[in-house]
Amino acid sequence: MIHIQCFAHLREQTGQDTITLEQTSLSVAELLAELSSRYAIETESLMVAINEEYAAPEDRVSQSDRVALIPPVSGG
């Protein structure tokens, strides 16, 4: 299983602080496609962090990784 932390408005959209997927390994692109399908969230502007480092779409996520979804941040 892969556990994914949600921050900011993603918590509200998914209704969860942590999402659990049954897969044991998948790419970041596959992860975002699964979340988009499951929760109807816009994933184009999301950043994904694996073990506290930003990840590229081709990077792999495995069940021992710490995964976080990071929404866009604006400031002034």
C-alpha atoms as a PDB file:
ATOM      1  CA  MET A   1       0.000   0.000   0.000  1.00  0.00           C
ATOM      2  CA  ILE A   2       1.023   3.570  -0.656  1.00  0.00           C
ATOM      3  CA  HIS A   3       0.043   6.301   1.812  1.00  0.00           C
ATOM      4  CA  ILE A   4      -0.247   9.869   0.508  1.00  0.00           C
ATOM      5  CA  GLN A   5      -0.526  12.981   2.686  1.00  0.00           C
ATOM      6  CA  CYS A   6      -2.889  15.745   1.534  1.00  0.00           C
ATOM      7  CA  PHE A   7      -2.431  19.401   2.390  1.00  0.00           C
ATOM      8  CA  ALA A   8      -4.557  22.564   2.201  1.00  0.00           C
ATOM      9  CA  HIS A   9      -7.646  22.382  -0.058  1.00  0.00           C
ATOM     10  CA  LEU A  10      -6.800  18.796  -1.084  1.00  0.00           C
ATOM     11  CA  ARG A  11      -7.871  17.622   2.368  1.00  0.00           C
ATOM     12  CA  GLU A  12     -11.260  19.183   1.775  1.00  0.00           C
ATOM     13  CA  GLN A  13     -11.601  17.823  -1.771  1.00  0.00           C
ATOM     14  CA  THR A  14     -10.704  14.260  -0.806  1.00  0.00           C
ATOM     15  CA  GLY A  15     -12.214  14.355   2.679  1.00  0.00           C
ATOM     16  CA  GLN A  16      -9.032  12.784   4.061  1.00  0.00           C
ATOM     17  CA  ASP A  17      -5.685  13.771   5.555  1.00  0.00           C
ATOM     18  CA  THR A  18      -4.123  10.608   4.161  1.00  0.00           C
ATOM     19  CA  ILE A  19      -5.096   8.612   1.080  1.00  0.00           C
ATOM     20  CA  THR A  20      -4.187   4.941   0.859  1.00  0.00           C
ATOM     21  CA  LEU A  21      -3.754   3.182  -2.482  1.00  0.00           C
ATOM     22  CA  GLU A  22      -3.545  -0.597  -2.767  1.00  0.00           C
ATOM     23  CA  GLN A  23      -0.713  -0.526  -5.317  1.00  0.00           C
ATOM     24  CA  THR A  24       2.830  -1.274  -4.153  1.00  0.00           C
ATOM     25  CA  SER A  25       4.623   0.674  -6.888  1.00  0.00           C
ATOM     26  CA  LEU A  26       3.659   3.184  -9.574  1.00  0.00           C
ATOM     27  CA  SER A  27       5.035   6.284 -11.272  1.00  0.00           C
ATOM     28  CA  VAL A  28       4.157   9.794 -10.153  1.00  0.00           C
ATOM     29  CA  ALA A  29       2.204  10.239 -13.405  1.00  0.00           C
ATOM     30  CA  GLU A  30       0.230   7.037 -12.702  1.00  0.00           C
ATOM     31  CA  LEU A  31      -0.371   8.174  -9.117  1.00  0.00           C
ATOM     32  CA  LEU A  32      -1.777  11.517 -10.260  1.00  0.00           C
ATOM     33  CA  ALA A  33      -3.970   9.835 -12.885  1.00  0.00           C
ATOM     34  CA  GLU A  34      -5.375   7.481 -10.228  1.00  0.00           C
ATOM     35  CA  LEU A  35      -6.102  10.359  -7.836  1.00  0.00           C
ATOM     36  CA  SER A  36      -7.691  12.434 -10.587  1.00  0.00           C
ATOM     37  CA  SER A  37      -9.942   9.533 -11.521  1.00  0.00           C
ATOM     38  CA  ARG A  38     -10.847   8.629  -7.952  1.00  0.00           C
ATOM     39  CA  TYR A  39     -11.368  12.079  -6.449  1.00  0.00           C
ATOM     40  CA  ALA A  40     -11.968  14.323  -9.504  1.00  0.00           C
ATOM     41  CA  ILE A  41      -9.190  16.684  -8.453  1.00  0.00           C
ATOM     42  CA  GLU A  42      -7.171  18.826 -10.840  1.00  0.00           C
ATOM     43  CA  THR A  43      -3.638  17.436 -10.796  1.00  0.00           C
ATOM     44  CA  GLU A  44      -1.930  19.644 -13.409  1.00  0.00           C
ATOM     45  CA  SER A  45      -0.700  22.186 -10.848  1.00  0.00           C
ATOM     46  CA  LEU A  46       0.072  19.749  -8.009  1.00  0.00           C
ATOM     47  CA  MET A  47       3.594  18.967  -6.920  1.00  0.00           C
ATOM     48  CA  VAL A  48       4.395  15.535  -5.562  1.00  0.00           C
ATOM     49  CA  ALA A  49       7.082  14.970  -2.971  1.00  0.00           C
ATOM     50  CA  ILE A  50       8.609  11.566  -2.326  1.00  0.00           C
ATOM     51  CA  ASN A  51      10.580  11.283   0.909  1.00  0.00           C
ATOM     52  CA  GLU A  52      10.533  15.088   1.269  1.00  0.00           C
ATOM     53  CA  GLU A  53      11.975  15.795  -2.214  1.00  0.00           C
ATOM     54  CA  TYR A  54      10.052  17.027  -5.245  1.00  0.00           C
ATOM     55  CA  ALA A  55       9.409  14.263  -7.768  1.00  0.00           C
ATOM     56  CA  ALA A  56       9.206  14.192 -11.571  1.00  0.00           C
ATOM     57  CA  PRO A  57       6.348  12.422 -13.412  1.00  0.00           C
ATOM     58  CA  GLU A  58       8.595   9.468 -14.305  1.00  0.00           C
ATOM     59  CA  ASP A  59       9.836   8.922 -10.722  1.00  0.00           C
ATOM     60  CA  ARG A  60       8.603   5.767  -9.015  1.00  0.00           C
ATOM     61  CA  VAL A  61       6.679   5.597  -5.745  1.00  0.00           C
ATOM     62  CA  SER A  62       6.878   2.446  -3.646  1.00  0.00           C
ATOM     63  CA  GLN A  63       5.078   1.398  -0.506  1.00  0.00           C
ATOM     64  CA  SER A  64       7.889   2.385   1.878  1.00  0.00           C
ATOM     65  CA  ASP A  65       8.052   5.972   0.531  1.00  0.00           C
ATOM     66  CA  ARG A  66       6.588   9.040   2.252  1.00  0.00           C
ATOM     67  CA  VAL A  67       4.431  10.753  -0.365  1.00  0.00           C
ATOM     68  CA  ALA A  68       2.850  14.208  -0.144  1.00  0.00           C
ATOM     69  CA  LEU A  69       0.613  16.150  -2.510  1.00  0.00           C
ATOM     70  CA  ILE A  70       1.499  19.824  -2.499  1.00  0.00           C
ATOM     71  CA  PRO A  71      -0.988  22.295  -3.995  1.00  0.00           C
ATOM     72  CA  PRO A  72       0.138  25.555  -5.579  1.00  0.00           C
ATOM     73  CA  VAL A  73       0.979  28.316  -3.139  1.00  0.00           C
ATOM     74  CA  SER A  74       0.454  32.001  -3.740  1.00  0.00           C
ATOM     75  CA  GLY A  75       1.768  34.873  -1.732  1.00  0.00           C
ATOM     76  CA  GLY A  76       2.064  38.581  -1.726  1.00  0.00           C
END
